[in-house]
Amino acid sequence: MAMDIAEQIRQNLPRNPTETVPLIDDYCSFYRSLFSDVRNYEYFKYLHLGLILTVKRKSLPGISKIVNVSSQGLHHFQDLRKP
């Protein structure tokens, strides 16, 4: 059972990533541990979502318009955990 947001805040737990489509969520879940920040992981998922959509412009600004997120966020999502 999922924990509500208020309980996560009280316990100082990181929030859960926003869901996209099951195909993207399942595929990207294998890479979740690479990201220290949930926002970066979400942008990683949005980038993958934009790549599989049938849009003419597969650039970061083009993808950001389709998935309705900041193009700067897509550009800087690669803040991976240091090994």
Protein backbone atom coordinates (compact mmCIF):
# COMPACT_ATOMS: atom_id res chain seq x y z
CA MET A 1 0.00 0.00 0.00
CA ALA A 2 1.38 3.43 -0.95
CA MET A 3 2.19 5.91 1.77
CA ASP A 4 0.48 9.31 1.50
CA ILE A 5 2.54 12.45 0.88
CA ALA A 6 1.90 13.96 4.32
CA GLU A 7 3.27 10.82 6.00
CA GLN A 8 6.33 10.87 3.75
CA ILE A 9 7.00 14.48 4.76
CA ARG A 10 6.57 13.71 8.47
CA GLN A 11 9.01 10.83 8.24
CA ASN A 12 11.42 12.88 6.07
CA LEU A 13 11.25 10.29 3.27
CA PRO A 14 11.91 11.07 -0.39
CA ARG A 15 8.79 11.40 -2.50
CA ASN A 16 7.84 8.79 -5.04
CA PRO A 17 8.50 9.58 -8.71
CA THR A 18 5.60 10.71 -10.86
CA GLU A 19 4.18 7.87 -12.94
CA THR A 20 4.19 8.04 -16.73
CA VAL A 21 3.07 5.05 -18.80
CA PRO A 22 3.65 1.49 -17.55
CA LEU A 23 6.12 0.64 -20.34
CA ILE A 24 8.38 3.59 -19.46
CA ASP A 25 7.97 3.18 -15.69
CA ASP A 26 8.90 -0.51 -15.86
CA TYR A 27 11.88 0.02 -18.16
CA CYS A 28 13.29 2.99 -16.25
CA SER A 29 12.83 1.35 -12.84
CA PHE A 30 16.00 -0.67 -13.52
CA TYR A 31 17.96 2.61 -13.56
CA ARG A 32 16.36 4.26 -10.49
CA SER A 33 19.34 3.57 -8.23
CA LEU A 34 21.59 5.65 -10.51
CA PHE A 35 19.84 8.89 -9.57
CA SER A 36 20.29 10.65 -6.24
CA ASP A 37 17.34 13.01 -6.81
CA VAL A 38 13.83 11.90 -7.71
CA ARG A 39 13.43 14.90 -10.04
CA ASN A 40 16.38 13.80 -12.15
CA TYR A 41 14.92 10.31 -12.38
CA GLU A 42 11.59 11.78 -13.49
CA TYR A 43 13.31 13.78 -16.25
CA PHE A 44 15.07 10.57 -17.31
CA LYS A 45 11.64 8.94 -17.65
CA TYR A 46 10.21 11.94 -19.52
CA LEU A 47 13.13 11.84 -21.95
CA HIS A 48 12.43 8.17 -22.69
CA LEU A 49 8.74 8.92 -23.08
CA GLY A 50 9.53 11.68 -25.57
CA LEU A 51 11.81 9.39 -27.55
CA ILE A 52 9.12 6.77 -28.14
CA LEU A 53 6.36 9.25 -28.99
CA THR A 54 5.63 9.92 -32.64
CA VAL A 55 6.73 13.53 -32.73
CA LYS A 56 8.49 15.21 -35.58
CA ARG A 57 11.05 17.03 -33.44
CA LYS A 58 13.00 14.74 -31.11
CA SER A 59 15.12 17.55 -29.64
CA LEU A 60 15.03 18.39 -25.93
CA PRO A 61 12.89 21.52 -26.47
CA GLY A 62 10.55 19.52 -28.71
CA ILE A 63 10.23 16.68 -26.21
CA SER A 64 9.73 19.10 -23.31
CA LYS A 65 6.74 20.68 -25.06
CA ILE A 66 5.11 17.30 -25.69
CA VAL A 67 5.62 15.89 -22.17
CA ASN A 68 4.99 19.33 -20.57
CA VAL A 69 8.21 19.71 -18.56
CA SER A 70 11.07 22.21 -18.54
CA SER A 71 13.61 21.80 -21.34
CA GLN A 72 16.30 22.89 -18.86
CA GLY A 73 15.32 20.03 -16.56
CA LEU A 74 15.64 17.56 -19.42
CA HIS A 75 19.01 19.05 -20.33
CA HIS A 76 20.39 18.74 -16.79
CA PHE A 77 18.82 15.46 -15.61
CA GLN A 78 22.12 13.56 -15.71
CA ASP A 79 23.07 14.25 -12.08
CA LEU A 80 23.96 10.64 -11.36
CA ARG A 81 25.20 9.27 -8.08
CA LYS A 82 28.94 9.19 -7.74
CA PRO A 83 30.27 5.60 -7.41
